[in-house]
Amino acid sequence: MANHKSAKKRAKQSQVRRLRNRSVKTTLKNLEKKVRAAKEDNSENKDEIMRKTQSAIQKAAKKGVLHKKTASRKISRLFKFMNT
């Protein structure tokens, strides 16, 4: 356990960030599942779902939850999946 005041603060910040990042990552996984399900069902609103998912991935990259190139790769693979 941390002994210094600054180390205690850092541990607390890390815990908060870990929980926030986990929440965002879970949301992204669920959105990706929705995109894949919409494609399989040939849903009418699959473009809207794809747009929301792309936006969420870009926001996660902007916040630092995902690396910029990881986000780009995820978006690219989703579009490739949607267009095949």
PDB file of N, CA and C in Angstrom:
ATOM      1  N   MET A   1       0.847  -1.194   0.000  1.00  0.00           N
ATOM      2  CA  MET A   1       0.000   0.000   0.000  1.00  0.00           C
ATOM      3  C   MET A   1       0.883   1.245   0.000  1.00  0.00           C
ATOM      4  N   ALA A   2       0.359   2.312  -0.565  1.00  0.00           N
ATOM      5  CA  ALA A   2       1.105   3.568  -0.667  1.00  0.00           C
ATOM      6  C   ALA A   2       1.277   4.213   0.706  1.00  0.00           C
ATOM      7  N   ASN A   3       2.436   4.816   0.915  1.00  0.00           N
ATOM      8  CA  ASN A   3       2.727   5.472   2.186  1.00  0.00           C
ATOM      9  C   ASN A   3       2.680   6.995   2.090  1.00  0.00           C
ATOM     10  N   HIS A   4       3.129   7.536   0.959  1.00  0.00           N
ATOM     11  CA  HIS A   4       3.162   8.985   0.793  1.00  0.00           C
ATOM     12  C   HIS A   4       1.801   9.503   0.333  1.00  0.00           C
ATOM     13  N   LYS A   5       1.554  10.750   0.638  1.00  0.00           N
ATOM     14  CA  LYS A   5       0.278  11.370   0.281  1.00  0.00           C
ATOM     15  C   LYS A   5       0.064  11.350  -1.231  1.00  0.00           C
ATOM     16  N   SER A   6       1.108  11.697  -1.979  1.00  0.00           N
ATOM     17  CA  SER A   6       0.990  11.736  -3.437  1.00  0.00           C
ATOM     18  C   SER A   6       0.773  10.342  -4.023  1.00  0.00           C
ATOM     19  N   ALA A   7       1.401   9.336  -3.406  1.00  0.00           N
ATOM     20  CA  ALA A   7       1.231   7.963  -3.888  1.00  0.00           C
ATOM     21  C   ALA A   7      -0.184   7.466  -3.611  1.00  0.00           C
ATOM     22  N   LYS A   8      -0.745   7.866  -2.482  1.00  0.00           N
ATOM     23  CA  LYS A   8      -2.130   7.498  -2.173  1.00  0.00           C
ATOM     24  C   LYS A   8      -3.089   8.121  -3.173  1.00  0.00           C
ATOM     25  N   LYS A   9      -2.826   9.385  -3.491  1.00  0.00           N
ATOM     26  CA  LYS A   9      -3.675  10.082  -4.467  1.00  0.00           C
ATOM     27  C   LYS A   9      -3.572   9.404  -5.833  1.00  0.00           C
ATOM     28  N   ARG A  10      -2.347   9.057  -6.218  1.00  0.00           N
ATOM     29  CA  ARG A  10      -2.138   8.406  -7.511  1.00  0.00           C
ATOM     30  C   ARG A  10      -2.870   7.064  -7.560  1.00  0.00           C
ATOM     31  N   ALA A  11      -2.832   6.300  -6.486  1.00  0.00           N
ATOM     32  CA  ALA A  11      -3.520   5.009  -6.438  1.00  0.00           C
ATOM     33  C   ALA A  11      -5.028   5.202  -6.577  1.00  0.00           C
ATOM     34  N   LYS A  12      -5.550   6.236  -5.918  1.00  0.00           N
ATOM     35  CA  LYS A  12      -6.988   6.526  -5.994  1.00  0.00           C
ATOM     36  C   LYS A  12      -7.377   6.930  -7.415  1.00  0.00           C
ATOM     37  N   GLN A  13      -6.542   7.777  -8.052  1.00  0.00           N
ATOM     38  CA  GLN A  13      -6.816   8.212  -9.423  1.00  0.00           C
ATOM     39  C   GLN A  13      -6.777   7.021 -10.385  1.00  0.00           C
ATOM     40  N   SER A  14      -5.803   6.146 -10.181  1.00  0.00           N
ATOM     41  CA  SER A  14      -5.675   4.977 -11.051  1.00  0.00           C
ATOM     42  C   SER A  14      -6.905   4.090 -10.949  1.00  0.00           C
ATOM     43  N   GLN A  15      -7.412   3.927  -9.755  1.00  0.00           N
ATOM     44  CA  GLN A  15      -8.607   3.101  -9.542  1.00  0.00           C
ATOM     45  C   GLN A  15      -9.816   3.699 -10.266  1.00  0.00           C
ATOM     46  N   VAL A  16      -9.995   5.004 -10.142  1.00  0.00           N
ATOM     47  CA  VAL A  16     -11.120   5.681 -10.800  1.00  0.00           C
ATOM     48  C   VAL A  16     -11.005   5.549 -12.311  1.00  0.00           C
ATOM     49  N   ARG A  17      -9.798   5.768 -12.830  1.00  0.00           N
ATOM     50  CA  ARG A  17      -9.587   5.671 -14.281  1.00  0.00           C
ATOM     51  C   ARG A  17      -9.797   4.254 -14.782  1.00  0.00           C
ATOM     52  N   ARG A  18      -9.359   3.263 -13.997  1.00  0.00           N
ATOM     53  CA  ARG A  18      -9.521   1.868 -14.394  1.00  0.00           C
ATOM     54  C   ARG A  18     -10.999   1.522 -14.537  1.00  0.00           C
ATOM     55  N   LEU A  19     -11.803   1.974 -13.579  1.00  0.00           N
ATOM     56  CA  LEU A  19     -13.238   1.694 -13.639  1.00  0.00           C
ATOM     57  C   LEU A  19     -13.894   2.399 -14.820  1.00  0.00           C
ATOM     58  N   ARG A  20     -13.497   3.649 -15.065  1.00  0.00           N
ATOM     59  CA  ARG A  20     -14.057   4.399 -16.188  1.00  0.00           C
ATOM     60  C   ARG A  20     -13.676   3.749 -17.511  1.00  0.00           C
ATOM     61  N   ASN A  21     -12.404   3.356 -17.646  1.00  0.00           N
ATOM     62  CA  ASN A  21     -11.941   2.709 -18.875  1.00  0.00           C
ATOM     63  C   ASN A  21     -12.659   1.389 -19.105  1.00  0.00           C
ATOM     64  N   ARG A  22     -12.869   0.635 -18.029  1.00  0.00           N
ATOM     65  CA  ARG A  22     -13.552  -0.649 -18.159  1.00  0.00           C
ATOM     66  C   ARG A  22     -14.983  -0.440 -18.644  1.00  0.00           C
ATOM     67  N   SER A  23     -15.632   0.583 -18.120  1.00  0.00           N
ATOM     68  CA  SER A  23     -16.999   0.888 -18.537  1.00  0.00           C
ATOM     69  C   SER A  23     -17.056   1.241 -20.026  1.00  0.00           C
ATOM     70  N   VAL A  24     -16.125   2.062 -20.467  1.00  0.00           N
ATOM     71  CA  VAL A  24     -16.092   2.476 -21.874  1.00  0.00           C
ATOM     72  C   VAL A  24     -15.810   1.275 -22.770  1.00  0.00           C
ATOM     73  N   LYS A  25     -14.867   0.440 -22.384  1.00  0.00           N
ATOM     74  CA  LYS A  25     -14.529  -0.727 -23.193  1.00  0.00           C
ATOM     75  C   LYS A  25     -15.699  -1.699 -23.297  1.00  0.00           C
ATOM     76  N   THR A  26     -16.436  -1.873 -22.209  1.00  0.00           N
ATOM     77  CA  THR A  26     -17.613  -2.740 -22.228  1.00  0.00           C
ATOM     78  C   THR A  26     -18.661  -2.185 -23.186  1.00  0.00           C
ATOM     79  N   THR A  27     -18.863  -0.881 -23.138  1.00  0.00           N
ATOM     80  CA  THR A  27     -19.818  -0.233 -24.045  1.00  0.00           C
ATOM     81  C   THR A  27     -19.412  -0.452 -25.495  1.00  0.00           C
ATOM     82  N   LEU A  28     -18.120  -0.308 -25.786  1.00  0.00           N
ATOM     83  CA  LEU A  28     -17.636  -0.505 -27.152  1.00  0.00           C
ATOM     84  C   LEU A  28     -17.869  -1.942 -27.621  1.00  0.00           C
ATOM     85  N   LYS A  29     -17.601  -2.899 -26.749  1.00  0.00           N
ATOM     86  CA  LYS A  29     -17.816  -4.297 -27.122  1.00  0.00           C
ATOM     87  C   LYS A  29     -19.281  -4.559 -27.436  1.00  0.00           C
ATOM     88  N   ASN A  30     -20.174  -3.990 -26.637  1.00  0.00           N
ATOM     89  CA  ASN A  30     -21.603  -4.180 -26.873  1.00  0.00           C
ATOM     90  C   ASN A  30     -22.046  -3.521 -28.173  1.00  0.00           C
ATOM     91  N   LEU A  31     -21.494  -2.335 -28.480  1.00  0.00           N
ATOM     92  CA  LEU A  31     -21.833  -1.668 -29.733  1.00  0.00           C
ATOM     93  C   LEU A  31     -21.343  -2.479 -30.932  1.00  0.00           C
ATOM     94  N   GLU A  32     -20.152  -3.052 -30.823  1.00  0.00           N
ATOM     95  CA  GLU A  32     -19.634  -3.873 -31.919  1.00  0.00           C
ATOM     96  C   GLU A  32     -20.523  -5.101 -32.132  1.00  0.00           C
ATOM     97  N   LYS A  33     -21.006  -5.682 -31.044  1.00  0.00           N
ATOM     98  CA  LYS A  33     -21.919  -6.823 -31.167  1.00  0.00           C
ATOM     99  C   LYS A  33     -23.207  -6.409 -31.862  1.00  0.00           C
ATOM    100  N   LYS A  34     -23.701  -5.200 -31.548  1.00  0.00           N
ATOM    101  CA  LYS A  34     -24.927  -4.706 -32.183  1.00  0.00           C
ATOM    102  C   LYS A  34     -24.725  -4.509 -33.677  1.00  0.00           C
ATOM    103  N   VAL A  35     -23.555  -4.005 -34.065  1.00  0.00           N
ATOM    104  CA  VAL A  35     -23.250  -3.805 -35.487  1.00  0.00           C
ATOM    105  C   VAL A  35     -23.265  -5.146 -36.205  1.00  0.00           C
ATOM    106  N   ARG A  36     -22.590  -6.123 -35.621  1.00  0.00           N
ATOM    107  CA  ARG A  36     -22.532  -7.450 -36.250  1.00  0.00           C
ATOM    108  C   ARG A  36     -23.917  -8.110 -36.315  1.00  0.00           C
ATOM    109  N   ALA A  37     -24.703  -7.929 -35.273  1.00  0.00           N
ATOM    110  CA  ALA A  37     -26.054  -8.489 -35.265  1.00  0.00           C
ATOM    111  C   ALA A  37     -26.938  -7.797 -36.303  1.00  0.00           C
ATOM    112  N   ALA A  38     -26.790  -6.487 -36.438  1.00  0.00           N
ATOM    113  CA  ALA A  38     -27.581  -5.734 -37.419  1.00  0.00           C
ATOM    114  C   ALA A  38     -27.235  -6.178 -38.836  1.00  0.00           C
ATOM    115  N   LYS A  39     -25.965  -6.464 -39.077  1.00  0.00           N
ATOM    116  CA  LYS A  39     -25.542  -6.936 -40.399  1.00  0.00           C
ATOM    117  C   LYS A  39     -26.122  -8.314 -40.681  1.00  0.00           C
ATOM    118  N   GLU A  40     -26.072  -9.184 -39.680  1.00  0.00           N
ATOM    119  CA  GLU A  40     -26.598 -10.538 -39.854  1.00  0.00           C
ATOM    120  C   GLU A  40     -28.107 -10.529 -40.074  1.00  0.00           C
ATOM    121  N   ASP A  41     -28.827  -9.639 -39.366  1.00  0.00           N
ATOM    122  CA  ASP A  41     -30.278  -9.546 -39.488  1.00  0.00           C
ATOM    123  C   ASP A  41     -30.714  -8.711 -40.683  1.00  0.00           C
ATOM    124  N   ASN A  42     -29.728  -8.086 -41.350  1.00  0.00           N
ATOM    125  CA  ASN A  42     -30.006  -7.178 -42.466  1.00  0.00           C
ATOM    126  C   ASN A  42     -30.973  -6.082 -42.020  1.00  0.00           C
ATOM    127  N   SER A  43     -30.686  -5.508 -40.872  1.00  0.00           N
ATOM    128  CA  SER A  43     -31.537  -4.491 -40.262  1.00  0.00           C
ATOM    129  C   SER A  43     -31.501  -3.189 -41.070  1.00  0.00           C
ATOM    130  N   GLU A  44     -32.600  -2.435 -40.985  1.00  0.00           N
ATOM    131  CA  GLU A  44     -32.696  -1.179 -41.727  1.00  0.00           C
ATOM    132  C   GLU A  44     -31.834  -0.080 -41.111  1.00  0.00           C
ATOM    133  N   ASN A  45     -31.654  -0.118 -39.795  1.00  0.00           N
ATOM    134  CA  ASN A  45     -30.914   0.952 -39.126  1.00  0.00           C
ATOM    135  C   ASN A  45     -29.456   0.578 -38.863  1.00  0.00           C
ATOM    136  N   LYS A  46     -28.901  -0.317 -39.682  1.00  0.00           N
ATOM    137  CA  LYS A  46     -27.516  -0.742 -39.461  1.00  0.00           C
ATOM    138  C   LYS A  46     -26.523   0.392 -39.720  1.00  0.00           C
ATOM    139  N   ASP A  47     -26.857   1.320 -40.629  1.00  0.00           N
ATOM    140  CA  ASP A  47     -25.974   2.459 -40.881  1.00  0.00           C
ATOM    141  C   ASP A  47     -25.924   3.388 -39.672  1.00  0.00           C
ATOM    142  N   GLU A  48     -27.059   3.588 -39.040  1.00  0.00           N
ATOM    143  CA  GLU A  48     -27.118   4.441 -37.842  1.00  0.00           C
ATOM    144  C   GLU A  48     -26.323   3.811 -36.692  1.00  0.00           C
ATOM    145  N   ILE A  49     -26.464   2.509 -36.524  1.00  0.00           N
ATOM    146  CA  ILE A  49     -25.722   1.809 -35.477  1.00  0.00           C
ATOM    147  C   ILE A  49     -24.226   1.895 -35.758  1.00  0.00           C
ATOM    148  N   MET A  50     -23.851   1.744 -37.017  1.00  0.00           N
ATOM    149  CA  MET A  50     -22.437   1.829 -37.393  1.00  0.00           C
ATOM    150  C   MET A  50     -21.888   3.216 -37.098  1.00  0.00           C
ATOM    151  N   ARG A  51     -22.675   4.252 -37.381  1.00  0.00           N
ATOM    152  CA  ARG A  51     -22.252   5.631 -37.131  1.00  0.00           C
ATOM    153  C   ARG A  51     -22.037   5.872 -35.634  1.00  0.00           C
ATOM    154  N   LYS A  52     -22.959   5.373 -34.821  1.00  0.00           N
ATOM    155  CA  LYS A  52     -22.834   5.520 -33.367  1.00  0.00           C
ATOM    156  C   LYS A  52     -21.608   4.780 -32.843  1.00  0.00           C
ATOM    157  N   THR A  53     -21.367   3.600 -33.375  1.00  0.00           N
ATOM    158  CA  THR A  53     -20.212   2.810 -32.947  1.00  0.00           C
ATOM    159  C   THR A  53     -18.910   3.501 -33.336  1.00  0.00           C
ATOM    160  N   GLN A  54     -18.859   4.013 -34.550  1.00  0.00           N
ATOM    161  CA  GLN A  54     -17.652   4.723 -35.002  1.00  0.00           C
ATOM    162  C   GLN A  54     -17.389   5.936 -34.114  1.00  0.00           C
ATOM    163  N   SER A  55     -18.422   6.665 -33.795  1.00  0.00           N
ATOM    164  CA  SER A  55     -18.297   7.837 -32.940  1.00  0.00           C
ATOM    165  C   SER A  55     -17.786   7.456 -31.555  1.00  0.00           C
ATOM    166  N   ALA A  56     -18.337   6.388 -31.002  1.00  0.00           N
ATOM    167  CA  ALA A  56     -17.934   5.939 -29.665  1.00  0.00           C
ATOM    168  C   ALA A  56     -16.476   5.493 -29.650  1.00  0.00           C
ATOM    169  N   ILE A  57     -16.035   4.806 -30.698  1.00  0.00           N
ATOM    170  CA  ILE A  57     -14.645   4.361 -30.771  1.00  0.00           C
ATOM    171  C   ILE A  57     -13.709   5.566 -30.861  1.00  0.00           C
ATOM    172  N   GLN A  58     -14.087   6.550 -31.664  1.00  0.00           N
ATOM    173  CA  GLN A  58     -13.251   7.751 -31.793  1.00  0.00           C
ATOM    174  C   GLN A  58     -13.190   8.528 -30.484  1.00  0.00           C
ATOM    175  N   LYS A  59     -14.295   8.609 -29.773  1.00  0.00           N
ATOM    176  CA  LYS A  59     -14.299   9.288 -28.475  1.00  0.00           C
ATOM    177  C   LYS A  59     -13.412   8.561 -27.472  1.00  0.00           C
ATOM    178  N   ALA A  60     -13.447   7.224 -27.492  1.00  0.00           N
ATOM    179  CA  ALA A  60     -12.605   6.443 -26.591  1.00  0.00           C
ATOM    180  C   ALA A  60     -11.130   6.690 -26.880  1.00  0.00           C
ATOM    181  N   ALA A  61     -10.798   6.817 -28.157  1.00  0.00           N
ATOM    182  CA  ALA A  61      -9.409   7.104 -28.527  1.00  0.00           C
ATOM    183  C   ALA A  61      -9.012   8.508 -28.087  1.00  0.00           C
ATOM    184  N   LYS A  62      -9.928   9.428 -28.216  1.00  0.00           N
ATOM    185  CA  LYS A  62      -9.651  10.813 -27.826  1.00  0.00           C
ATOM    186  C   LYS A  62      -9.434  10.928 -26.314  1.00  0.00           C
ATOM    187  N   LYS A  63     -10.183  10.135 -25.541  1.00  0.00           N
ATOM    188  CA  LYS A  63     -10.056  10.152 -24.083  1.00  0.00           C
ATOM    189  C   LYS A  63      -8.827   9.387 -23.608  1.00  0.00           C
ATOM    190  N   GLY A  64      -8.253   8.556 -24.486  1.00  0.00           N
ATOM    191  CA  GLY A  64      -7.080   7.787 -24.104  1.00  0.00           C
ATOM    192  C   GLY A  64      -7.403   6.380 -23.631  1.00  0.00           C
ATOM    193  N   VAL A  65      -8.650   5.969 -23.769  1.00  0.00           N
ATOM    194  CA  VAL A  65      -9.023   4.612 -23.380  1.00  0.00           C
ATOM    195  C   VAL A  65      -8.428   3.624 -24.375  1.00  0.00           C
ATOM    196  N   LEU A  66      -8.489   3.971 -25.644  1.00  0.00           N
ATOM    197  CA  LEU A  66      -7.881   3.175 -26.705  1.00  0.00           C
ATOM    198  C   LEU A  66      -6.762   3.980 -27.355  1.00  0.00           C
ATOM    199  N   HIS A  67      -5.784   3.281 -27.894  1.00  0.00           N
ATOM    200  CA  HIS A  67      -4.750   3.949 -28.672  1.00  0.00           C
ATOM    201  C   HIS A  67      -5.361   4.394 -29.997  1.00  0.00           C
ATOM    202  N   LYS A  68      -4.832   5.459 -30.557  1.00  0.00           N
ATOM    203  CA  LYS A  68      -5.353   6.033 -31.795  1.00  0.00           C
ATOM    204  C   LYS A  68      -5.375   5.002 -32.927  1.00  0.00           C
ATOM    205  N   LYS A  69      -4.295   4.244 -33.059  1.00  0.00           N
ATOM    206  CA  LYS A  69      -4.224   3.268 -34.144  1.00  0.00           C
ATOM    207  C   LYS A  69      -5.116   2.053 -33.887  1.00  0.00           C
ATOM    208  N   THR A  70      -5.314   1.709 -32.635  1.00  0.00           N
ATOM    209  CA  THR A  70      -6.234   0.615 -32.303  1.00  0.00           C
ATOM    210  C   THR A  70      -7.655   0.997 -32.694  1.00  0.00           C
ATOM    211  N   ALA A  71      -8.023   2.237 -32.396  1.00  0.00           N
ATOM    212  CA  ALA A  71      -9.356   2.722 -32.758  1.00  0.00           C
ATOM    213  C   ALA A  71      -9.532   2.711 -34.276  1.00  0.00           C
ATOM    214  N   SER A  72      -8.518   3.174 -34.974  1.00  0.00           N
ATOM    215  CA  SER A  72      -8.573   3.202 -36.434  1.00  0.00           C
ATOM    216  C   SER A  72      -8.729   1.796 -37.000  1.00  0.00           C
ATOM    217  N   ARG A  73      -7.999   0.852 -36.435  1.00  0.00           N
ATOM    218  CA  ARG A  73      -8.064  -0.534 -36.890  1.00  0.00           C
ATOM    219  C   ARG A  73      -9.443  -1.132 -36.641  1.00  0.00           C
ATOM    220  N   LYS A  74     -10.023  -0.852 -35.472  1.00  0.00           N
ATOM    221  CA  LYS A  74     -11.355  -1.366 -35.152  1.00  0.00           C
ATOM    222  C   LYS A  74     -12.401  -0.818 -36.127  1.00  0.00           C
ATOM    223  N   ILE A  75     -12.333   0.486 -36.381  1.00  0.00           N
ATOM    224  CA  ILE A  75     -13.284   1.112 -37.302  1.00  0.00           C
ATOM    225  C   ILE A  75     -13.135   0.530 -38.698  1.00  0.00           C
ATOM    226  N   SER A  76     -11.888   0.385 -39.138  1.00  0.00           N
ATOM    227  CA  SER A  76     -11.626  -0.161 -40.464  1.00  0.00           C
ATOM    228  C   SER A  76     -12.190  -1.571 -40.611  1.00  0.00           C
ATOM    229  N   ARG A  77     -11.977  -2.397 -39.612  1.00  0.00           N
ATOM    230  CA  ARG A  77     -12.463  -3.774 -39.677  1.00  0.00           C
ATOM    231  C   ARG A  77     -13.989  -3.842 -39.645  1.00  0.00           C
ATOM    232  N   LEU A  78     -14.611  -2.944 -38.881  1.00  0.00           N
ATOM    233  CA  LEU A  78     -16.073  -2.931 -38.855  1.00  0.00           C
ATOM    234  C   LEU A  78     -16.651  -2.516 -40.206  1.00  0.00           C
ATOM    235  N   PHE A  79     -16.055  -1.484 -40.827  1.00  0.00           N
ATOM    236  CA  PHE A  79     -16.534  -1.053 -42.146  1.00  0.00           C
ATOM    237  C   PHE A  79     -16.314  -2.147 -43.189  1.00  0.00           C
ATOM    238  N   LYS A  80     -15.178  -2.820 -43.092  1.00  0.00           N
ATOM    239  CA  LYS A  80     -14.893  -3.911 -44.020  1.00  0.00           C
ATOM    240  C   LYS A  80     -15.931  -5.021 -43.857  1.00  0.00           C
ATOM    241  N   PHE A  81     -16.269  -5.320 -42.610  1.00  0.00           N
ATOM    242  CA  PHE A  81     -17.284  -6.338 -42.333  1.00  0.00           C
ATOM    243  C   PHE A  81     -18.649  -5.915 -42.889  1.00  0.00           C
ATOM    244  N   MET A  82     -18.991  -4.651 -42.692  1.00  0.00           N
ATOM    245  CA  MET A  82     -20.294  -4.158 -43.140  1.00  0.00           C
ATOM    246  C   MET A  82     -20.416  -4.154 -44.660  1.00  0.00           C
ATOM    247  N   ASN A  83     -19.308  -3.940 -45.352  1.00  0.00           N
ATOM    248  CA  ASN A  83     -19.353  -3.803 -46.810  1.00  0.00           C
ATOM    249  C   ASN A  83     -19.172  -5.121 -47.563  1.00  0.00           C
ATOM    250  N   THR A  84     -18.967  -6.217 -46.833  1.00  0.00           N
ATOM    251  CA  THR A  84     -18.798  -7.493 -47.537  1.00  0.00           C
ATOM    252  C   THR A  84     -20.104  -8.246 -47.585  1.00  0.00           C
TER     253      THR A  84
END
